[in-house]
Amino acid sequence: MPFDAESRHLETRNLRFLSARRFFRIAPLYYVGIALYASLSAFYAGVGTPDRYNGDYSATNIFANLFLIHGLYLPANNNIVPGGWSIGCGVLFYALFSYLFMRIRNEVDCRKFIAFALIFNALIQLFFASALEKPVTVGGYPFLSYFFINQLPVFGFGMLLYFSLQKERRQPLFYLGRCGFFFALTALFFHFASCFPLTYAWLPTLAALSFFYLGHFLSARTSSGFLCRVLAGIGRRSYSIYIFHFLFAWNLLGTTSYLLNFSALRFPAVAWTVLLAFNLALSYALAVASGPFIENVGIEWGRQLMRRLGLGR
């Protein structure tokens, strides 16, 4: 989004067009996801295995997801489309993006925003941790981990990565060293996660930090390299892959791991890695096949509507 915003010269009407275009890119596929996973939920309930996917398809929850406001409503946050919580956070960020990007113009501004987001988030998390007898959960994970406020530093690091990569590639070894350090720090944090009751409050930020240095690691490599081409291809279809990968993870891969009894294998991590790669390949293939019929159509609808309203070019 920062790249698109810069190309539109920060005109307010163009930034609004950018946010609206994001809506039309997200909504059509998300609606397909609602229909797809509602059908799966009904199927599993019909064959007597509702625990495979037990969504809460009440009228209120569906309404919140159709209008993409489920990120603000706990019962609908992650109970309609698997992983829908991140879509809810993304939509809220897109709604605020034109305001933020008019005021965050460089790395210094980004660091100030990240610091503010971290402090504000820490206060919110500590308040709820002390006020509630037990964490508010959705689908087994604390709702506050899903909440938009907890994801604000992630968006901040995304903007910081954009601004920092606009400069010349400086001190690549410095960035590579930090990349390795923060990947190790994240792994260490996961290892000791069970000892810290508010782990969920910091994992998104640590993941974003690792991604930030991964971006610098890749920027030091040639863009024509195999790894960069693979990641670029995945990035272009990342939204579709995200929506579809649950389909394979729960059905095909879940059944395979059960039949093969992974826990009895000598090297279960190797088997899991192979299945994860297979999941990614299947999800990517479905994302590519569906793109012209869902994502591309939605983007074109948004472009035409904005053009008629005079909000874009």
Protein backbone atom coordinates (compact mmCIF):
# COMPACT_ATOMS: atom_id res chain seq x y z
CA MET A 1 0.00 0.00 0.00
CA PRO A 2 2.74 2.57 0.70
CA PHE A 3 4.18 1.92 -2.76
CA ASP A 4 0.78 2.47 -4.40
CA ALA A 5 0.18 5.55 -2.28
CA GLU A 6 3.50 7.11 -3.31
CA SER A 7 2.71 6.45 -6.96
CA ARG A 8 -0.52 8.40 -6.52
CA HIS A 9 1.35 11.41 -5.13
CA LEU A 10 -0.45 11.42 -1.76
CA GLU A 11 -3.56 13.09 -3.12
CA THR A 12 -6.36 12.54 -0.58
CA ARG A 13 -8.88 11.43 -3.20
CA ASN A 14 -6.36 9.00 -4.65
CA LEU A 15 -5.62 7.54 -1.23
CA ARG A 16 -9.33 7.03 -0.70
CA PHE A 17 -9.46 5.31 -4.05
CA LEU A 18 -6.61 3.06 -2.95
CA SER A 19 -8.47 2.01 0.22
CA ALA A 20 -11.66 1.41 -1.76
CA ARG A 21 -9.77 -0.69 -4.29
CA ARG A 22 -8.44 -2.83 -1.46
CA PHE A 23 -12.01 -3.46 -0.35
CA PHE A 24 -12.97 -4.73 -3.78
CA ARG A 25 -9.91 -6.95 -3.86
CA ILE A 26 -10.73 -8.47 -0.49
CA ALA A 27 -14.52 -8.71 -0.40
CA PRO A 28 -15.34 -11.04 -3.35
CA LEU A 29 -12.93 -13.79 -2.30
CA TYR A 30 -13.92 -13.37 1.34
CA TYR A 31 -17.57 -13.88 0.41
CA VAL A 32 -16.56 -17.04 -1.45
CA GLY A 33 -14.78 -18.11 1.73
CA ILE A 34 -17.95 -17.55 3.78
CA ALA A 35 -19.97 -19.75 1.41
CA LEU A 36 -17.22 -22.37 1.19
CA TYR A 37 -16.63 -22.84 4.90
CA ALA A 38 -20.34 -22.57 5.76
CA SER A 39 -20.93 -25.44 3.34
CA LEU A 40 -18.12 -27.44 4.94
CA SER A 41 -19.54 -26.79 8.40
CA ALA A 42 -22.98 -27.98 7.28
CA PHE A 43 -21.46 -31.05 5.60
CA TYR A 44 -19.49 -32.10 8.67
CA ALA A 45 -22.55 -31.59 10.87
CA GLY A 46 -24.59 -33.71 8.45
CA VAL A 47 -22.15 -36.64 8.52
CA GLY A 48 -21.81 -36.53 12.29
CA THR A 49 -18.39 -34.90 12.63
CA PRO A 50 -19.16 -31.26 13.50
CA ASP A 51 -15.89 -30.96 15.41
CA ARG A 52 -13.96 -30.86 12.11
CA TYR A 53 -15.12 -27.30 11.64
CA ASN A 54 -17.73 -25.83 13.93
CA GLY A 55 -18.38 -22.28 12.78
CA ASP A 56 -20.99 -20.08 14.44
CA TYR A 57 -23.15 -19.00 11.50
CA SER A 58 -25.66 -16.82 13.28
CA ALA A 59 -27.29 -13.97 11.38
CA THR A 60 -25.36 -11.38 13.40
CA ASN A 61 -22.01 -13.05 12.79
CA ILE A 62 -22.65 -13.40 9.07
CA PHE A 63 -23.78 -9.76 8.87
CA ALA A 64 -20.59 -8.58 10.59
CA ASN A 65 -18.45 -10.61 8.18
CA LEU A 66 -20.34 -9.50 5.08
CA PHE A 67 -19.66 -5.88 5.96
CA LEU A 68 -16.10 -6.72 7.07
CA ILE A 69 -16.58 -5.22 10.52
CA HIS A 70 -16.05 -8.52 12.33
CA GLY A 71 -12.69 -7.29 13.60
CA LEU A 72 -14.63 -5.17 16.09
CA TYR A 73 -17.09 -7.87 17.18
CA LEU A 74 -15.76 -10.73 19.31
CA PRO A 75 -18.30 -13.51 18.46
CA ALA A 76 -17.83 -13.00 14.71
CA ASN A 77 -14.11 -12.36 14.78
CA ASN A 78 -12.90 -15.80 13.74
CA ASN A 79 -15.97 -18.05 13.62
CA ILE A 80 -17.14 -17.69 10.01
CA VAL A 81 -14.06 -17.89 7.79
CA PRO A 82 -11.00 -19.56 9.35
CA GLY A 83 -8.34 -16.93 9.87
CA GLY A 84 -10.92 -14.23 9.24
CA TRP A 85 -9.59 -12.27 12.19
CA SER A 86 -6.60 -11.12 10.12
CA ILE A 87 -8.91 -9.92 7.34
CA GLY A 88 -10.83 -7.90 9.92
CA CYS A 89 -7.59 -6.31 11.13
CA GLY A 90 -6.49 -5.61 7.57
CA VAL A 91 -9.73 -3.87 6.67
CA LEU A 92 -9.49 -1.63 9.73
CA PHE A 93 -5.94 -0.72 8.77
CA TYR A 94 -7.00 0.06 5.20
CA ALA A 95 -9.70 2.35 6.58
CA LEU A 96 -7.06 4.25 8.58
CA PHE A 97 -4.32 4.08 5.99
CA SER A 98 -5.03 7.35 4.17
CA TYR A 99 -4.96 9.19 7.52
CA LEU A 100 -1.78 7.47 8.71
CA PHE A 101 0.18 7.73 5.50
CA MET A 102 -0.44 11.46 5.20
CA ARG A 103 1.33 11.85 8.57
CA ILE A 104 3.93 9.07 8.57
CA ARG A 105 6.41 10.16 5.94
CA ASN A 106 9.77 8.67 6.93
CA GLU A 107 11.58 6.17 9.15
CA VAL A 108 11.57 8.50 12.16
CA ASP A 109 7.79 8.89 11.98
CA CYS A 110 7.45 5.11 11.67
CA ARG A 111 9.56 4.49 14.75
CA LYS A 112 7.48 6.98 16.73
CA PHE A 113 4.29 5.27 15.57
CA ILE A 114 5.64 1.81 16.49
CA ALA A 115 6.72 3.05 19.93
CA PHE A 116 3.28 4.57 20.52
CA ALA A 117 1.55 1.39 19.33
CA LEU A 118 3.68 -0.81 21.60
CA ILE A 119 3.10 1.33 24.69
CA PHE A 120 -0.62 1.70 24.02
CA ASN A 121 -0.97 -2.02 23.36
CA ALA A 122 0.94 -2.92 26.54
CA LEU A 123 -1.39 -0.75 28.62
CA ILE A 124 -4.48 -2.30 27.01
CA GLN A 125 -3.18 -5.85 27.50
CA LEU A 126 -2.24 -5.25 31.14
CA PHE A 127 -5.62 -3.66 31.84
CA PHE A 128 -7.57 -6.61 30.48
CA ALA A 129 -5.20 -9.13 32.07
CA SER A 130 -5.87 -7.58 35.48
CA ALA A 131 -9.58 -6.84 34.94
CA LEU A 132 -10.59 -10.26 33.61
CA GLU A 133 -10.46 -13.46 35.60
CA LYS A 134 -9.39 -15.38 32.50
CA PRO A 135 -8.36 -14.33 28.98
CA VAL A 136 -11.15 -13.71 26.49
CA THR A 137 -10.73 -16.42 23.86
CA VAL A 138 -11.99 -17.13 20.38
CA GLY A 139 -11.23 -20.52 18.92
CA GLY A 140 -8.77 -21.33 21.69
CA TYR A 141 -6.65 -18.18 21.29
CA PRO A 142 -6.92 -14.98 23.31
CA PHE A 143 -9.16 -12.51 21.53
CA LEU A 144 -6.80 -9.68 22.41
CA SER A 145 -4.15 -11.35 20.26
CA TYR A 146 -6.48 -11.04 17.28
CA PHE A 147 -7.59 -7.53 18.13
CA PHE A 148 -6.58 -4.65 15.86
CA ILE A 149 -4.67 -2.80 18.58
CA ASN A 150 -2.37 -5.78 19.09
CA GLN A 151 -1.60 -5.83 15.36
CA LEU A 152 -0.80 -2.10 15.01
CA PRO A 153 2.97 -2.61 15.48
CA VAL A 154 2.86 -5.14 12.63
CA PHE A 155 1.52 -2.51 10.25
CA GLY A 156 4.05 -0.05 11.62
CA PHE A 157 6.95 -2.38 10.80
CA GLY A 158 5.49 -2.88 7.33
CA MET A 159 5.60 0.86 6.67
CA LEU A 160 9.07 1.09 8.23
CA LEU A 161 10.30 -1.63 5.87
CA TYR A 162 8.97 0.33 2.91
CA PHE A 163 10.67 3.58 3.89
CA SER A 164 13.96 1.93 4.84
CA LEU A 165 14.16 0.06 1.53
CA GLN A 166 13.72 3.31 -0.40
CA LYS A 167 17.26 4.25 0.59
CA GLU A 168 20.35 2.78 -0.95
CA ARG A 169 21.21 -0.70 0.22
CA ARG A 170 23.35 0.18 3.17
CA GLN A 171 25.39 -2.08 5.40
CA PRO A 172 23.86 -5.35 4.16
CA LEU A 173 25.91 -7.42 6.61
CA PHE A 174 24.56 -5.33 9.48
CA TYR A 175 21.00 -6.08 8.43
CA LEU A 176 21.77 -9.74 7.80
CA GLY A 177 23.27 -10.05 11.25
CA ARG A 178 20.26 -8.48 12.87
CA CYS A 179 17.99 -10.67 10.76
CA GLY A 180 19.59 -13.79 12.20
CA PHE A 181 19.49 -12.35 15.69
CA PHE A 182 15.80 -11.56 15.64
CA PHE A 183 14.89 -14.88 14.07
CA ALA A 184 16.76 -16.55 16.93
CA LEU A 185 15.05 -14.27 19.44
CA THR A 186 11.64 -15.18 18.06
CA ALA A 187 12.45 -18.90 18.22
CA LEU A 188 13.63 -18.47 21.81
CA PHE A 189 10.47 -16.62 22.71
CA PHE A 190 8.34 -19.44 21.31
CA HIS A 191 10.38 -21.96 23.29
CA PHE A 192 9.66 -20.23 26.58
CA ALA A 193 6.16 -19.11 25.60
CA SER A 194 4.38 -21.33 28.10
CA CYS A 195 6.11 -19.53 30.98
CA PHE A 196 4.67 -16.12 30.11
CA PRO A 197 0.88 -15.59 30.40
CA LEU A 198 0.84 -12.65 27.97
CA THR A 199 2.83 -14.38 25.23
CA TYR A 200 0.08 -13.76 22.69
CA ALA A 201 0.43 -10.01 23.21
CA TRP A 202 4.00 -9.89 21.88
CA LEU A 203 4.22 -12.64 19.31
CA PRO A 204 2.76 -10.52 16.44
CA THR A 205 5.34 -7.79 17.07
CA LEU A 206 8.23 -10.27 17.23
CA ALA A 207 7.03 -11.91 14.03
CA ALA A 208 6.83 -8.49 12.34
CA LEU A 209 10.33 -7.66 13.55
CA SER A 210 11.67 -10.87 12.03
CA PHE A 211 9.84 -10.13 8.79
CA PHE A 212 11.34 -6.64 8.73
CA TYR A 213 14.88 -8.01 8.79
CA LEU A 214 13.94 -10.77 6.37
CA GLY A 215 12.96 -7.99 3.97
CA HIS A 216 16.41 -6.47 4.28
CA PHE A 217 17.98 -9.88 3.84
CA LEU A 218 16.14 -10.36 0.56
CA SER A 219 16.86 -6.80 -0.58
CA ALA A 220 20.58 -7.62 -0.49
CA ARG A 221 20.02 -10.44 -2.98
CA THR A 222 19.41 -10.14 -6.70
CA SER A 223 15.74 -9.84 -7.57
CA SER A 224 16.25 -12.40 -10.33
CA GLY A 225 17.29 -15.10 -7.85
CA PHE A 226 15.19 -18.22 -7.49
CA LEU A 227 14.22 -17.51 -3.87
CA CYS A 228 13.08 -13.98 -4.69
CA ARG A 229 11.03 -15.20 -7.66
CA VAL A 230 9.34 -17.85 -5.54
CA LEU A 231 8.54 -15.41 -2.73
CA ALA A 232 7.30 -12.80 -5.22
CA GLY A 233 4.94 -15.35 -6.76
CA ILE A 234 3.62 -16.35 -3.36
CA GLY A 235 3.27 -12.70 -2.35
CA ARG A 236 1.13 -11.86 -5.37
CA ARG A 237 -1.32 -14.61 -4.43
CA SER A 238 -0.86 -14.49 -0.66
CA TYR A 239 -4.45 -13.48 0.12
CA SER A 240 -5.99 -16.30 -1.92
CA ILE A 241 -3.46 -18.77 -0.53
CA TYR A 242 -4.39 -17.70 2.99
CA ILE A 243 -8.12 -18.22 2.41
CA PHE A 244 -7.74 -21.59 0.69
CA HIS A 245 -4.97 -23.21 2.72
CA PHE A 246 -7.31 -24.09 5.59
CA LEU A 247 -9.28 -26.23 3.16
CA PHE A 248 -6.30 -28.51 2.53
CA ALA A 249 -4.82 -28.25 6.03
CA TRP A 250 -7.95 -29.50 7.75
CA ASN A 251 -9.11 -32.06 5.23
CA LEU A 252 -6.38 -33.60 3.11
CA LEU A 253 -3.37 -32.96 5.35
CA GLY A 254 -5.21 -33.55 8.60
CA THR A 255 -6.46 -36.92 7.37
CA THR A 256 -3.02 -37.86 6.02
CA SER A 257 -1.27 -37.08 9.30
CA TYR A 258 -3.86 -39.18 11.15
CA LEU A 259 -3.52 -42.16 8.82
CA LEU A 260 0.28 -42.07 8.89
CA ASN A 261 0.34 -41.60 12.67
CA PHE A 262 2.97 -38.87 12.62
CA SER A 263 3.62 -39.14 16.33
CA ALA A 264 5.03 -42.64 15.78
CA LEU A 265 7.41 -41.61 13.01
CA ARG A 266 11.12 -41.32 13.71
CA PHE A 267 11.36 -37.86 12.13
CA PRO A 268 7.87 -36.34 12.33
CA ALA A 269 9.20 -32.84 11.61
CA VAL A 270 10.38 -33.96 8.17
CA ALA A 271 6.98 -35.43 7.36
CA TRP A 272 5.26 -32.26 8.54
CA THR A 273 7.57 -30.12 6.40
CA VAL A 274 6.73 -32.18 3.32
CA LEU A 275 3.00 -31.88 4.02
CA LEU A 276 3.28 -28.13 4.62
CA ALA A 277 5.07 -27.70 1.30
CA PHE A 278 2.37 -29.80 -0.35
CA ASN A 279 -0.30 -27.65 1.29
CA LEU A 280 1.37 -24.50 -0.01
CA ALA A 281 1.63 -25.94 -3.53
CA LEU A 282 -2.06 -26.94 -3.61
CA SER A 283 -3.17 -23.60 -2.15
CA TYR A 284 -1.03 -21.70 -4.65
CA ALA A 285 -2.43 -23.71 -7.57
CA LEU A 286 -6.00 -23.01 -6.46
CA ALA A 287 -5.18 -19.33 -5.91
CA VAL A 288 -3.77 -19.01 -9.44
CA ALA A 289 -6.74 -20.86 -10.96
CA SER A 290 -9.34 -18.78 -9.11
CA GLY A 291 -7.63 -15.40 -9.55
CA PRO A 292 -9.11 -14.47 -12.96
CA PHE A 293 -12.62 -15.36 -11.77
CA ILE A 294 -12.65 -13.84 -8.29
CA GLU A 295 -9.85 -11.44 -7.29
CA ASN A 296 -9.31 -9.90 -10.72
CA VAL A 297 -13.04 -9.46 -11.27
CA GLY A 298 -13.46 -7.73 -7.91
CA ILE A 299 -10.54 -5.40 -8.60
CA GLU A 300 -12.03 -4.45 -11.96
CA TRP A 301 -15.44 -3.79 -10.39
CA GLY A 302 -13.81 -1.49 -7.86
CA ARG A 303 -11.83 0.32 -10.53
CA GLN A 304 -14.92 0.94 -12.63
CA LEU A 305 -16.98 2.14 -9.67
CA MET A 306 -14.28 4.51 -8.46
CA ARG A 307 -13.84 5.86 -11.96
CA ARG A 308 -17.55 6.61 -12.22
CA LEU A 309 -17.47 8.34 -8.84
CA GLY A 310 -14.44 10.34 -9.92
CA LEU A 311 -12.24 8.96 -7.14
CA GLY A 312 -9.62 7.27 -9.24
CA ARG A 313 -8.05 7.05 -12.62
